[in-house]
Protein backbone atom coordinates (compact mmCIF):
# COMPACT_ATOMS: atom_id res chain seq x y z
CA MET A 1 -4.64 10.95 -13.40
CA SER A 2 -2.93 9.88 -10.21
CA LEU A 3 -4.48 8.01 -7.33
CA ILE A 4 -4.01 10.97 -5.00
CA SER A 5 -5.79 13.65 -6.97
CA SER A 6 -8.71 11.64 -8.32
CA PRO A 7 -12.05 12.13 -6.57
CA ASP A 8 -13.05 8.50 -6.88
CA ASN A 9 -10.14 6.88 -5.03
CA SER A 10 -12.27 4.18 -3.44
CA LEU A 11 -13.73 3.14 -6.79
CA GLN A 12 -10.30 3.06 -8.39
CA ALA A 13 -8.87 1.05 -5.49
CA TYR A 14 -11.78 -1.39 -5.76
CA ASN A 15 -11.12 -1.83 -9.47
CA TYR A 16 -7.44 -2.52 -8.83
CA LEU A 17 -8.33 -5.13 -6.23
CA GLU A 18 -11.02 -6.73 -8.40
CA SER A 19 -8.88 -6.85 -11.53
CA PRO A 20 -6.91 -10.03 -10.68
CA THR A 21 -10.13 -11.88 -9.86
CA LYS A 22 -11.66 -11.00 -13.22
CA TYR A 23 -8.41 -11.90 -14.97
CA PHE A 24 -8.19 -15.36 -13.39
CA GLN A 25 -11.87 -16.07 -14.10
CA THR A 26 -11.45 -15.04 -17.73
CA ARG A 27 -8.24 -17.04 -18.03
CA ALA A 28 -9.89 -20.14 -16.56
CA LYS A 29 -12.81 -19.91 -19.00
CA LEU A 30 -10.45 -19.49 -21.94
CA GLY A 31 -8.27 -22.34 -20.69
CA ALA A 32 -11.30 -24.63 -20.43
CA LYS A 33 -12.35 -23.77 -23.97
CA LEU A 34 -8.80 -24.30 -25.19
CA SER A 35 -8.61 -27.73 -23.57
CA ARG A 36 -11.88 -28.76 -25.24
CA HIS A 37 -11.02 -27.34 -28.66
CA ARG A 38 -7.28 -27.69 -29.04
CA SER A 39 -7.35 -27.16 -32.79
CA VAL A 40 -8.95 -23.70 -32.60
CA TYR A 41 -6.14 -21.16 -32.83
CA ASP A 42 -8.34 -18.24 -31.71
CA TYR A 43 -8.62 -19.60 -28.16
CA ARG A 44 -4.83 -19.70 -27.84
CA GLN A 45 -4.57 -16.20 -29.23
CA SER A 46 -7.24 -14.85 -26.89
CA LEU A 47 -5.46 -16.44 -23.91
CA LEU A 48 -2.20 -14.75 -24.92
CA GLU A 49 -4.01 -11.44 -25.39
CA ALA A 50 -5.63 -11.72 -21.95
CA ASP A 51 -2.20 -12.35 -20.40
CA SER A 52 -0.58 -9.40 -22.15
CA LEU A 53 -3.50 -7.12 -21.27
CA GLU A 54 -3.24 -8.07 -17.59
CA TYR A 55 0.51 -7.44 -17.70
CA LEU A 56 -0.08 -3.96 -19.09
CA ASN A 57 -2.77 -3.24 -16.48
CA LEU A 58 -0.46 -4.32 -13.65
CA LYS A 59 2.39 -2.28 -15.07
CA MET A 60 0.15 0.79 -15.30
CA ALA A 61 -1.10 0.30 -11.73
CA ALA A 62 2.46 -0.06 -10.43
CA THR A 63 3.53 3.07 -12.29
CA GLU A 64 0.60 5.03 -10.85
CA LEU A 65 1.42 3.78 -7.36
CA ARG A 66 5.07 4.73 -7.79
CA ASN A 67 4.14 8.20 -9.01
CA SER A 68 1.71 8.67 -6.12
CA VAL A 69 4.33 7.71 -3.56
CA ARG A 70 6.88 9.93 -5.27
CA THR A 71 4.44 12.85 -5.14
CA LEU A 72 3.83 12.26 -1.44
CA VAL A 73 7.46 12.12 -0.40
CA GLU A 74 9.05 14.73 -2.66
CA GLN A 75 10.21 17.84 -0.90
CA PRO A 76 9.94 21.27 -2.53
CA GLY A 77 13.75 21.48 -2.58
CA GLY A 78 14.04 18.92 -5.38
CA ALA A 79 16.81 16.30 -5.14
CA GLY A 80 16.86 14.49 -1.83
CA GLY A 81 13.12 14.05 -1.74
CA PHE A 82 13.57 10.47 -0.59
CA ARG A 83 15.86 11.18 2.38
CA TRP A 84 13.08 10.29 4.82
CA TRP A 85 13.57 6.67 3.78
CA THR A 86 17.11 6.38 5.16
CA ARG A 87 18.04 4.55 8.35
CA GLU A 88 18.92 7.70 10.29
CA ARG A 89 15.34 8.85 10.04
CA LEU A 90 13.88 5.49 11.07
């Protein structure tokens, strides 16, 4: 579902903006636990999993944003949908 066609755009935008905050809070808590219990492998693994999950979430958000922009600027004619971006037009 793209950002343009979804009925809850404001909720989705809020979630995208709140996501880094939650990620850094979670990462800080895991980092604190890891520093206290260096021998516990699960804390290291959970920190790596949190990082990879955030990477995938950011990649998905960027892909959705790209697709939304592409949908907005494409012309019905097909190729050349991005001509508005050239210097002559600006």
